[in-house]
Amino acid sequence: MTPPERRLWNVLKHRPDGFKFRKQHEHGPYYVDFFCYEAAVAVEVDGIAHELGTNPQRDERRDAWFASRGIHTVRVRATDVRDNLEGVVAYIVGTCRERSTA
């Protein structure tokens, strides 16, 4: 795990708002940084590498694959995890809350 992923995991592993997350979770042909089964939310922490070469197109295909299976992908920037961890966690938990009550 990258330092931003470890930083986020240190919060998510304590089940914020009661949501359980798995780290480095395999789902089909992909691995996601974090996954919440209850809300069907995949969380990806994107560093600079996600902006290079064909990586944006690869991420779009991956997100589409998840969406076709009812899984919503939340992408957060690594710099946001570093600079605004509380806001990132609130965004992730808010998304999980919305999806688990829908």
PDB file of N, CA and C in Angstrom:
ATOM      1  N   MET A   1       0.841  -1.183   0.000  1.00  0.00           N
ATOM      2  CA  MET A   1       0.000   0.000   0.000  1.00  0.00           C
ATOM      3  C   MET A   1       0.885   1.244   0.000  1.00  0.00           C
ATOM      4  N   THR A   2       0.399   2.264  -0.683  1.00  0.00           N
ATOM      5  CA  THR A   2       1.113   3.529  -0.722  1.00  0.00           C
ATOM      6  C   THR A   2       0.874   4.275   0.596  1.00  0.00           C
ATOM      7  N   PRO A   3       1.709   5.263   0.909  1.00  0.00           N
ATOM      8  CA  PRO A   3       1.463   6.030   2.142  1.00  0.00           C
ATOM      9  C   PRO A   3       0.054   6.636   2.221  1.00  0.00           C
ATOM     10  N   PRO A   4      -0.498   7.229   1.138  1.00  0.00           N
ATOM     11  CA  PRO A   4      -1.875   7.727   1.266  1.00  0.00           C
ATOM     12  C   PRO A   4      -2.889   6.602   1.514  1.00  0.00           C
ATOM     13  N   GLU A   5      -2.696   5.451   0.889  1.00  0.00           N
ATOM     14  CA  GLU A   5      -3.604   4.324   1.120  1.00  0.00           C
ATOM     15  C   GLU A   5      -3.514   3.867   2.575  1.00  0.00           C
ATOM     16  N   ARG A   6      -2.302   3.794   3.121  1.00  0.00           N
ATOM     17  CA  ARG A   6      -2.152   3.404   4.532  1.00  0.00           C
ATOM     18  C   ARG A   6      -2.839   4.418   5.448  1.00  0.00           C
ATOM     19  N   ARG A   7      -2.681   5.686   5.130  1.00  0.00           N
ATOM     20  CA  ARG A   7      -3.295   6.730   5.953  1.00  0.00           C
ATOM     21  C   ARG A   7      -4.817   6.598   5.945  1.00  0.00           C
ATOM     22  N   LEU A   8      -5.390   6.375   4.774  1.00  0.00           N
ATOM     23  CA  LEU A   8      -6.837   6.206   4.680  1.00  0.00           C
ATOM     24  C   LEU A   8      -7.277   4.917   5.369  1.00  0.00           C
ATOM     25  N   TRP A   9      -6.519   3.842   5.207  1.00  0.00           N
ATOM     26  CA  TRP A   9      -6.872   2.575   5.836  1.00  0.00           C
ATOM     27  C   TRP A   9      -6.899   2.693   7.358  1.00  0.00           C
ATOM     28  N   ASN A  10      -6.005   3.499   7.911  1.00  0.00           N
ATOM     29  CA  ASN A  10      -5.981   3.671   9.365  1.00  0.00           C
ATOM     30  C   ASN A  10      -7.288   4.229   9.898  1.00  0.00           C
ATOM     31  N   VAL A  11      -8.068   4.878   9.054  1.00  0.00           N
ATOM     32  CA  VAL A  11      -9.398   5.360   9.453  1.00  0.00           C
ATOM     33  C   VAL A  11     -10.474   4.340   9.069  1.00  0.00           C
ATOM     34  N   LEU A  12     -10.426   3.859   7.816  1.00  0.00           N
ATOM     35  CA  LEU A  12     -11.479   2.960   7.335  1.00  0.00           C
ATOM     36  C   LEU A  12     -11.535   1.641   8.099  1.00  0.00           C
ATOM     37  N   LYS A  13     -10.419   1.168   8.610  1.00  0.00           N
ATOM     38  CA  LYS A  13     -10.422  -0.122   9.325  1.00  0.00           C
ATOM     39  C   LYS A  13     -11.204  -0.063  10.633  1.00  0.00           C
ATOM     40  N   HIS A  14     -11.508   1.141  11.088  1.00  0.00           N
ATOM     41  CA  HIS A  14     -12.280   1.301  12.327  1.00  0.00           C
ATOM     42  C   HIS A  14     -13.779   1.454  12.061  1.00  0.00           C
ATOM     43  N   ARG A  15     -14.205   1.109  10.843  1.00  0.00           N
ATOM     44  CA  ARG A  15     -15.617   1.075  10.462  1.00  0.00           C
ATOM     45  C   ARG A  15     -16.343   2.401  10.715  1.00  0.00           C
ATOM     46  N   PRO A  16     -15.935   3.457  10.018  1.00  0.00           N
ATOM     47  CA  PRO A  16     -16.612   4.735  10.222  1.00  0.00           C
ATOM     48  C   PRO A  16     -18.097   4.642   9.893  1.00  0.00           C
ATOM     49  N   ASP A  17     -18.900   5.163  10.781  1.00  0.00           N
ATOM     50  CA  ASP A  17     -20.361   5.150  10.657  1.00  0.00           C
ATOM     51  C   ASP A  17     -20.911   3.732  10.506  1.00  0.00           C
ATOM     52  N   GLY A  18     -20.142   2.744  10.957  1.00  0.00           N
ATOM     53  CA  GLY A  18     -20.582   1.356  10.929  1.00  0.00           C
ATOM     54  C   GLY A  18     -20.300   0.620   9.627  1.00  0.00           C
ATOM     55  N   PHE A  19     -19.689   1.276   8.649  1.00  0.00           N
ATOM     56  CA  PHE A  19     -19.405   0.634   7.365  1.00  0.00           C
ATOM     57  C   PHE A  19     -18.095  -0.133   7.431  1.00  0.00           C
ATOM     58  N   LYS A  20     -18.166  -1.397   7.054  1.00  0.00           N
ATOM     59  CA  LYS A  20     -16.974  -2.248   7.050  1.00  0.00           C
ATOM     60  C   LYS A  20     -16.305  -2.180   5.675  1.00  0.00           C
ATOM     61  N   PHE A  21     -15.009  -1.963   5.688  1.00  0.00           N
ATOM     62  CA  PHE A  21     -14.226  -1.900   4.464  1.00  0.00           C
ATOM     63  C   PHE A  21     -13.182  -3.007   4.460  1.00  0.00           C
ATOM     64  N   ARG A  22     -12.918  -3.520   3.282  1.00  0.00           N
ATOM     65  CA  ARG A  22     -11.831  -4.475   3.071  1.00  0.00           C
ATOM     66  C   ARG A  22     -10.749  -3.744   2.292  1.00  0.00           C
ATOM     67  N   LYS A  23      -9.508  -4.079   2.552  1.00  0.00           N
ATOM     68  CA  LYS A  23      -8.417  -3.442   1.810  1.00  0.00           C
ATOM     69  C   LYS A  23      -7.871  -4.397   0.767  1.00  0.00           C
ATOM     70  N   GLN A  24      -7.348  -3.815  -0.322  1.00  0.00           N
ATOM     71  CA  GLN A  24      -6.747  -4.575  -1.417  1.00  0.00           C
ATOM     72  C   GLN A  24      -7.639  -5.760  -1.780  1.00  0.00           C
ATOM     73  N   HIS A  25      -8.886  -5.449  -2.064  1.00  0.00           N
ATOM     74  CA  HIS A  25      -9.913  -6.461  -2.287  1.00  0.00           C
ATOM     75  C   HIS A  25      -9.986  -6.868  -3.759  1.00  0.00           C
ATOM     76  N   GLU A  26      -9.954  -8.153  -4.002  1.00  0.00           N
ATOM     77  CA  GLU A  26     -10.088  -8.686  -5.364  1.00  0.00           C
ATOM     78  C   GLU A  26     -11.563  -8.769  -5.718  1.00  0.00           C
ATOM     79  N   HIS A  27     -11.887  -8.232  -6.879  1.00  0.00           N
ATOM     80  CA  HIS A  27     -13.261  -8.311  -7.367  1.00  0.00           C
ATOM     81  C   HIS A  27     -13.188  -8.561  -8.865  1.00  0.00           C
ATOM     82  N   GLY A  28     -13.557  -9.764  -9.275  1.00  0.00           N
ATOM     83  CA  GLY A  28     -13.419 -10.129 -10.686  1.00  0.00           C
ATOM     84  C   GLY A  28     -11.959 -10.058 -11.089  1.00  0.00           C
ATOM     85  N   PRO A  29     -11.679  -9.451 -12.228  1.00  0.00           N
ATOM     86  CA  PRO A  29     -10.289  -9.385 -12.700  1.00  0.00           C
ATOM     87  C   PRO A  29      -9.504  -8.227 -12.077  1.00  0.00           C
ATOM     88  N   TYR A  30     -10.094  -7.501 -11.144  1.00  0.00           N
ATOM     89  CA  TYR A  30      -9.479  -6.291 -10.600  1.00  0.00           C
ATOM     90  C   TYR A  30      -9.269  -6.382  -9.092  1.00  0.00           C
ATOM     91  N   TYR A  31      -8.362  -5.557  -8.633  1.00  0.00           N
ATOM     92  CA  TYR A  31      -8.191  -5.306  -7.204  1.00  0.00           C
ATOM     93  C   TYR A  31      -8.559  -3.857  -6.958  1.00  0.00           C
ATOM     94  N   VAL A  32      -9.262  -3.603  -5.872  1.00  0.00           N
ATOM     95  CA  VAL A  32      -9.577  -2.229  -5.491  1.00  0.00           C
ATOM     96  C   VAL A  32      -8.860  -1.926  -4.184  1.00  0.00           C
ATOM     97  N   ASP A  33      -8.532  -0.656  -3.994  1.00  0.00           N
ATOM     98  CA  ASP A  33      -7.837  -0.279  -2.769  1.00  0.00           C
ATOM     99  C   ASP A  33      -8.674  -0.629  -1.542  1.00  0.00           C
ATOM    100  N   PHE A  34      -9.966  -0.259  -1.584  1.00  0.00           N
ATOM    101  CA  PHE A  34     -10.879  -0.541  -0.473  1.00  0.00           C
ATOM    102  C   PHE A  34     -12.256  -0.854  -1.043  1.00  0.00           C
ATOM    103  N   PHE A  35     -12.998  -1.706  -0.329  1.00  0.00           N
ATOM    104  CA  PHE A  35     -14.317  -2.090  -0.813  1.00  0.00           C
ATOM    105  C   PHE A  35     -15.276  -2.219   0.355  1.00  0.00           C
ATOM    106  N   CYS A  36     -16.470  -1.650   0.195  1.00  0.00           N
ATOM    107  CA  CYS A  36     -17.542  -1.772   1.176  1.00  0.00           C
ATOM    108  C   CYS A  36     -18.656  -2.592   0.538  1.00  0.00           C
ATOM    109  N   TYR A  37     -18.840  -3.830   1.007  1.00  0.00           N
ATOM    110  CA  TYR A  37     -19.876  -4.706   0.458  1.00  0.00           C
ATOM    111  C   TYR A  37     -21.275  -4.141   0.692  1.00  0.00           C
ATOM    112  N   GLU A  38     -21.522  -3.678   1.904  1.00  0.00           N
ATOM    113  CA  GLU A  38     -22.861  -3.231   2.274  1.00  0.00           C
ATOM    114  C   GLU A  38     -23.400  -2.171   1.309  1.00  0.00           C
ATOM    115  N   ALA A  39     -22.524  -1.268   0.881  1.00  0.00           N
ATOM    116  CA  ALA A  39     -22.950  -0.177   0.005  1.00  0.00           C
ATOM    117  C   ALA A  39     -22.551  -0.398  -1.450  1.00  0.00           C
ATOM    118  N   ALA A  40     -21.833  -1.482  -1.728  1.00  0.00           N
ATOM    119  CA  ALA A  40     -21.308  -1.750  -3.073  1.00  0.00           C
ATOM    120  C   ALA A  40     -20.512  -0.549  -3.587  1.00  0.00           C
ATOM    121  N   VAL A  41     -19.529  -0.152  -2.771  1.00  0.00           N
ATOM    122  CA  VAL A  41     -18.677   0.989  -3.101  1.00  0.00           C
ATOM    123  C   VAL A  41     -17.224   0.535  -3.118  1.00  0.00           C
ATOM    124  N   ALA A  42     -16.568   0.796  -4.246  1.00  0.00           N
ATOM    125  CA  ALA A  42     -15.132   0.577  -4.384  1.00  0.00           C
ATOM    126  C   ALA A  42     -14.449   1.928  -4.225  1.00  0.00           C
ATOM    127  N   VAL A  43     -13.365   1.957  -3.470  1.00  0.00           N
ATOM    128  CA  VAL A  43     -12.636   3.202  -3.239  1.00  0.00           C
ATOM    129  C   VAL A  43     -11.238   3.051  -3.828  1.00  0.00           C
ATOM    130  N   GLU A  44     -10.877   4.006  -4.668  1.00  0.00           N
ATOM    131  CA  GLU A  44      -9.547   4.037  -5.282  1.00  0.00           C
ATOM    132  C   GLU A  44      -8.855   5.335  -4.898  1.00  0.00           C
ATOM    133  N   VAL A  45      -7.617   5.211  -4.437  1.00  0.00           N
ATOM    134  CA  VAL A  45      -6.790   6.376  -4.145  1.00  0.00           C
ATOM    135  C   VAL A  45      -5.878   6.570  -5.348  1.00  0.00           C
ATOM    136  N   ASP A  46      -6.065   7.690  -6.034  1.00  0.00           N
ATOM    137  CA  ASP A  46      -5.348   7.951  -7.273  1.00  0.00           C
ATOM    138  C   ASP A  46      -4.176   8.893  -7.055  1.00  0.00           C
ATOM    139  N   GLY A  47      -2.994   8.393  -7.368  1.00  0.00           N
ATOM    140  CA  GLY A  47      -1.797   9.217  -7.373  1.00  0.00           C
ATOM    141  C   GLY A  47      -1.542   9.712  -8.780  1.00  0.00           C
ATOM    142  N   ILE A  48      -0.394  10.310  -8.986  1.00  0.00           N
ATOM    143  CA  ILE A  48      -0.041  10.893 -10.278  1.00  0.00           C
ATOM    144  C   ILE A  48      -0.029   9.844 -11.396  1.00  0.00           C
ATOM    145  N   ALA A  49       0.299   8.604 -11.086  1.00  0.00           N
ATOM    146  CA  ALA A  49       0.384   7.559 -12.113  1.00  0.00           C
ATOM    147  C   ALA A  49      -0.941   7.354 -12.840  1.00  0.00           C
ATOM    148  N   HIS A  50      -2.042   7.651 -12.168  1.00  0.00           N
ATOM    149  CA  HIS A  50      -3.354   7.459 -12.794  1.00  0.00           C
ATOM    150  C   HIS A  50      -3.617   8.465 -13.913  1.00  0.00           C
ATOM    151  N   GLU A  51      -2.797   9.502 -13.983  1.00  0.00           N
ATOM    152  CA  GLU A  51      -2.977  10.530 -15.010  1.00  0.00           C
ATOM    153  C   GLU A  51      -2.069  10.311 -16.216  1.00  0.00           C
ATOM    154  N   LEU A  52      -1.179   9.340 -16.150  1.00  0.00           N
ATOM    155  CA  LEU A  52      -0.163   9.163 -17.182  1.00  0.00           C
ATOM    156  C   LEU A  52      -0.542   8.115 -18.222  1.00  0.00           C
ATOM    157  N   GLY A  53      -0.073   8.338 -19.444  1.00  0.00           N
ATOM    158  CA  GLY A  53      -0.222   7.363 -20.526  1.00  0.00           C
ATOM    159  C   GLY A  53      -1.651   6.942 -20.748  1.00  0.00           C
ATOM    160  N   THR A  54      -1.849   5.627 -20.824  1.00  0.00           N
ATOM    161  CA  THR A  54      -3.189   5.085 -21.057  1.00  0.00           C
ATOM    162  C   THR A  54      -3.929   4.787 -19.753  1.00  0.00           C
ATOM    163  N   ASN A  55      -3.367   5.164 -18.633  1.00  0.00           N
ATOM    164  CA  ASN A  55      -4.002   4.868 -17.348  1.00  0.00           C
ATOM    165  C   ASN A  55      -5.391   5.474 -17.198  1.00  0.00           C
ATOM    166  N   PRO A  56      -5.641   6.706 -17.667  1.00  0.00           N
ATOM    167  CA  PRO A  56      -7.018   7.214 -17.539  1.00  0.00           C
ATOM    168  C   PRO A  56      -8.040   6.344 -18.276  1.00  0.00           C
ATOM    169  N   GLN A  57      -7.693   5.865 -19.464  1.00  0.00           N
ATOM    170  CA  GLN A  57      -8.606   5.003 -20.210  1.00  0.00           C
ATOM    171  C   GLN A  57      -8.788   3.657 -19.505  1.00  0.00           C
ATOM    172  N   ARG A  58      -7.718   3.143 -18.946  1.00  0.00           N
ATOM    173  CA  ARG A  58      -7.795   1.885 -18.196  1.00  0.00           C
ATOM    174  C   ARG A  58      -8.724   2.051 -16.998  1.00  0.00           C
ATOM    175  N   ASP A  59      -8.591   3.176 -16.288  1.00  0.00           N
ATOM    176  CA  ASP A  59      -9.453   3.426 -15.134  1.00  0.00           C
ATOM    177  C   ASP A  59     -10.912   3.561 -15.557  1.00  0.00           C
ATOM    178  N   GLU A  60     -11.175   4.187 -16.700  1.00  0.00           N
ATOM    179  CA  GLU A  60     -12.550   4.308 -17.193  1.00  0.00           C
ATOM    180  C   GLU A  60     -13.154   2.937 -17.490  1.00  0.00           C
ATOM    181  N   ARG A  61     -12.371   2.070 -18.137  1.00  0.00           N
ATOM    182  CA  ARG A  61     -12.861   0.705 -18.425  1.00  0.00           C
ATOM    183  C   ARG A  61     -13.148  -0.041 -17.131  1.00  0.00           C
ATOM    184  N   ARG A  62     -12.275   0.099 -16.190  1.00  0.00           N
ATOM    185  CA  ARG A  62     -12.431  -0.568 -14.906  1.00  0.00           C
ATOM    186  C   ARG A  62     -13.684  -0.066 -14.182  1.00  0.00           C
ATOM    187  N   ASP A  63     -13.851   1.255 -14.137  1.00  0.00           N
ATOM    188  CA  ASP A  63     -15.034   1.826 -13.482  1.00  0.00           C
ATOM    189  C   ASP A  63     -16.317   1.372 -14.174  1.00  0.00           C
ATOM    190  N   ALA A  64     -16.283   1.285 -15.503  1.00  0.00           N
ATOM    191  CA  ALA A  64     -17.454   0.821 -16.260  1.00  0.00           C
ATOM    192  C   ALA A  64     -17.750  -0.638 -15.933  1.00  0.00           C
ATOM    193  N   TRP A  65     -16.718  -1.451 -15.799  1.00  0.00           N
ATOM    194  CA  TRP A  65     -16.899  -2.865 -15.440  1.00  0.00           C
ATOM    195  C   TRP A  65     -17.588  -2.960 -14.084  1.00  0.00           C
ATOM    196  N   PHE A  66     -17.125  -2.180 -13.115  1.00  0.00           N
ATOM    197  CA  PHE A  66     -17.748  -2.187 -11.785  1.00  0.00           C
ATOM    198  C   PHE A  66     -19.193  -1.688 -11.866  1.00  0.00           C
ATOM    199  N   ALA A  67     -19.408  -0.600 -12.593  1.00  0.00           N
ATOM    200  CA  ALA A  67     -20.763  -0.031 -12.706  1.00  0.00           C
ATOM    201  C   ALA A  67     -21.730  -1.032 -13.309  1.00  0.00           C
ATOM    202  N   SER A  68     -21.265  -1.830 -14.276  1.00  0.00           N
ATOM    203  CA  SER A  68     -22.142  -2.826 -14.896  1.00  0.00           C
ATOM    204  C   SER A  68     -22.554  -3.918 -13.913  1.00  0.00           C
ATOM    205  N   ARG A  69     -21.880  -3.969 -12.792  1.00  0.00           N
ATOM    206  CA  ARG A  69     -22.194  -4.948 -11.746  1.00  0.00           C
ATOM    207  C   ARG A  69     -22.795  -4.291 -10.503  1.00  0.00           C
ATOM    208  N   GLY A  70     -23.214  -3.029 -10.676  1.00  0.00           N
ATOM    209  CA  GLY A  70     -23.879  -2.328  -9.577  1.00  0.00           C
ATOM    210  C   GLY A  70     -22.949  -1.760  -8.526  1.00  0.00           C
ATOM    211  N   ILE A  71     -21.681  -1.666  -8.828  1.00  0.00           N
ATOM    212  CA  ILE A  71     -20.698  -1.154  -7.875  1.00  0.00           C
ATOM    213  C   ILE A  71     -20.299   0.257  -8.279  1.00  0.00           C
ATOM    214  N   HIS A  72     -20.386   1.169  -7.332  1.00  0.00           N
ATOM    215  CA  HIS A  72     -20.006   2.561  -7.563  1.00  0.00           C
ATOM    216  C   HIS A  72     -18.537   2.749  -7.153  1.00  0.00           C
ATOM    217  N   THR A  73     -17.762   3.367  -8.018  1.00  0.00           N
ATOM    218  CA  THR A  73     -16.358   3.629  -7.708  1.00  0.00           C
ATOM    219  C   THR A  73     -16.194   5.065  -7.246  1.00  0.00           C
ATOM    220  N   VAL A  74     -15.599   5.211  -6.082  1.00  0.00           N
ATOM    221  CA  VAL A  74     -15.237   6.521  -5.547  1.00  0.00           C
ATOM    222  C   VAL A  74     -13.736   6.676  -5.756  1.00  0.00           C
ATOM    223  N   ARG A  75     -13.349   7.715  -6.475  1.00  0.00           N
ATOM    224  CA  ARG A  75     -11.938   8.003  -6.702  1.00  0.00           C
ATOM    225  C   ARG A  75     -11.557   9.250  -5.917  1.00  0.00           C
ATOM    226  N   VAL A  76     -10.519   9.117  -5.119  1.00  0.00           N
ATOM    227  CA  VAL A  76     -10.016  10.254  -4.352  1.00  0.00           C
ATOM    228  C   VAL A  76      -8.546  10.447  -4.688  1.00  0.00           C
ATOM    229  N   ARG A  77      -8.133  11.676  -4.729  1.00  0.00           N
ATOM    230  CA  ARG A  77      -6.733  11.967  -5.035  1.00  0.00           C
ATOM    231  C   ARG A  77      -5.867  11.730  -3.805  1.00  0.00           C
ATOM    232  N   ALA A  78      -4.687  11.207  -4.050  1.00  0.00           N
ATOM    233  CA  ALA A  78      -3.746  10.949  -2.956  1.00  0.00           C
ATOM    234  C   ALA A  78      -3.426  12.237  -2.208  1.00  0.00           C
ATOM    235  N   THR A  79      -3.334  13.346  -2.926  1.00  0.00           N
ATOM    236  CA  THR A  79      -3.042  14.619  -2.261  1.00  0.00           C
ATOM    237  C   THR A  79      -4.193  15.042  -1.350  1.00  0.00           C
ATOM    238  N   ASP A  80      -5.430  14.697  -1.716  1.00  0.00           N
ATOM    239  CA  ASP A  80      -6.560  15.011  -0.840  1.00  0.00           C
ATOM    240  C   ASP A  80      -6.517  14.174   0.436  1.00  0.00           C
ATOM    241  N   VAL A  81      -6.088  12.914   0.308  1.00  0.00           N
ATOM    242  CA  VAL A  81      -5.935  12.074   1.504  1.00  0.00           C
ATOM    243  C   VAL A  81      -4.884  12.698   2.419  1.00  0.00           C
ATOM    244  N   ARG A  82      -3.829  13.206   1.831  1.00  0.00           N
ATOM    245  CA  ARG A  82      -2.756  13.836   2.619  1.00  0.00           C
ATOM    246  C   ARG A  82      -3.224  15.137   3.261  1.00  0.00           C
ATOM    247  N   ASP A  83      -3.928  15.961   2.486  1.00  0.00           N
ATOM    248  CA  ASP A  83      -4.246  17.319   2.933  1.00  0.00           C
ATOM    249  C   ASP A  83      -5.603  17.476   3.611  1.00  0.00           C
ATOM    250  N   ASN A  84      -6.523  16.541   3.364  1.00  0.00           N
ATOM    251  CA  ASN A  84      -7.889  16.686   3.879  1.00  0.00           C
ATOM    252  C   ASN A  84      -8.489  15.316   4.190  1.00  0.00           C
ATOM    253  N   LEU A  85      -7.833  14.560   5.026  1.00  0.00           N
ATOM    254  CA  LEU A  85      -8.276  13.201   5.341  1.00  0.00           C
ATOM    255  C   LEU A  85      -9.706  13.188   5.872  1.00  0.00           C
ATOM    256  N   GLU A  86     -10.030  14.105   6.757  1.00  0.00           N
ATOM    257  CA  GLU A  86     -11.369  14.138   7.336  1.00  0.00           C
ATOM    258  C   GLU A  86     -12.435  14.340   6.249  1.00  0.00           C
ATOM    259  N   GLY A  87     -12.171  15.232   5.309  1.00  0.00           N
ATOM    260  CA  GLY A  87     -13.109  15.482   4.217  1.00  0.00           C
ATOM    261  C   GLY A  87     -13.246  14.281   3.299  1.00  0.00           C
ATOM    262  N   VAL A  88     -12.140  13.590   3.028  1.00  0.00           N
ATOM    263  CA  VAL A  88     -12.167  12.398   2.180  1.00  0.00           C
ATOM    264  C   VAL A  88     -13.007  11.309   2.836  1.00  0.00           C
ATOM    265  N   VAL A  89     -12.786  11.093   4.121  1.00  0.00           N
ATOM    266  CA  VAL A  89     -13.553  10.067   4.835  1.00  0.00           C
ATOM    267  C   VAL A  89     -15.036  10.434   4.858  1.00  0.00           C
ATOM    268  N   ALA A  90     -15.351  11.700   5.071  1.00  0.00           N
ATOM    269  CA  ALA A  90     -16.753  12.131   5.071  1.00  0.00           C
ATOM    270  C   ALA A  90     -17.388  11.886   3.712  1.00  0.00           C
ATOM    271  N   TYR A  91     -16.666  12.145   2.639  1.00  0.00           N
ATOM    272  CA  TYR A  91     -17.171  11.913   1.286  1.00  0.00           C
ATOM    273  C   TYR A  91     -17.434  10.419   1.054  1.00  0.00           C
ATOM    274  N   ILE A  92     -16.486   9.575   1.442  1.00  0.00           N
ATOM    275  CA  ILE A  92     -16.634   8.130   1.257  1.00  0.00           C
ATOM    276  C   ILE A  92     -17.818   7.612   2.073  1.00  0.00           C
ATOM    277  N   VAL A  93     -17.876   7.991   3.337  1.00  0.00           N
ATOM    278  CA  VAL A  93     -18.959   7.530   4.210  1.00  0.00           C
ATOM    279  C   VAL A  93     -20.309   8.052   3.726  1.00  0.00           C
ATOM    280  N   GLY A  94     -20.348   9.301   3.271  1.00  0.00           N
ATOM    281  CA  GLY A  94     -21.588   9.856   2.730  1.00  0.00           C
ATOM    282  C   GLY A  94     -22.069   9.074   1.517  1.00  0.00           C
ATOM    283  N   THR A  95     -21.143   8.708   0.642  1.00  0.00           N
ATOM    284  CA  THR A  95     -21.497   7.903  -0.526  1.00  0.00           C
ATOM    285  C   THR A  95     -22.028   6.539  -0.093  1.00  0.00           C
ATOM    286  N   CYS A  96     -21.378   5.927   0.873  1.00  0.00           N
ATOM    287  CA  CYS A  96     -21.845   4.620   1.373  1.00  0.00           C
ATOM    288  C   CYS A  96     -23.227   4.740   1.988  1.00  0.00           C
ATOM    289  N   ARG A  97     -23.440   5.799   2.745  1.00  0.00           N
ATOM    290  CA  ARG A  97     -24.741   6.011   3.385  1.00  0.00           C
ATOM    291  C   ARG A  97     -25.840   6.157   2.343  1.00  0.00           C
ATOM    292  N   GLU A  98     -25.592   6.969   1.307  1.00  0.00           N
ATOM    293  CA  GLU A  98     -26.577   7.164   0.243  1.00  0.00           C
ATOM    294  C   GLU A  98     -26.908   5.855  -0.466  1.00  0.00           C
ATOM    295  N   ARG A  99     -25.875   5.077  -0.753  1.00  0.00           N
ATOM    296  CA  ARG A  99     -26.090   3.846  -1.509  1.00  0.00           C
ATOM    297  C   ARG A  99     -26.715   2.738  -0.665  1.00  0.00           C
ATOM    298  N   SER A 100     -26.469   2.723   0.610  1.00  0.00           N
ATOM    299  CA  SER A 100     -27.022   1.652   1.442  1.00  0.00           C
ATOM    300  C   SER A 100     -28.482   1.899   1.799  1.00  0.00           C
ATOM    301  N   THR A 101     -28.958   3.128   1.614  1.00  0.00           N
ATOM    302  CA  THR A 101     -30.358   3.417   1.907  1.00  0.00           C
ATOM    303  C   THR A 101     -31.187   3.544   0.641  1.00  0.00           C
ATOM    304  N   ALA A 102     -30.529   3.464  -0.503  1.00  0.00           N
ATOM    305  CA  ALA A 102     -31.253   3.629  -1.789  1.00  0.00           C
ATOM    306  C   ALA A 102     -32.023   2.378  -2.141  1.00  0.00           C
TER     307      ALA A 102
END
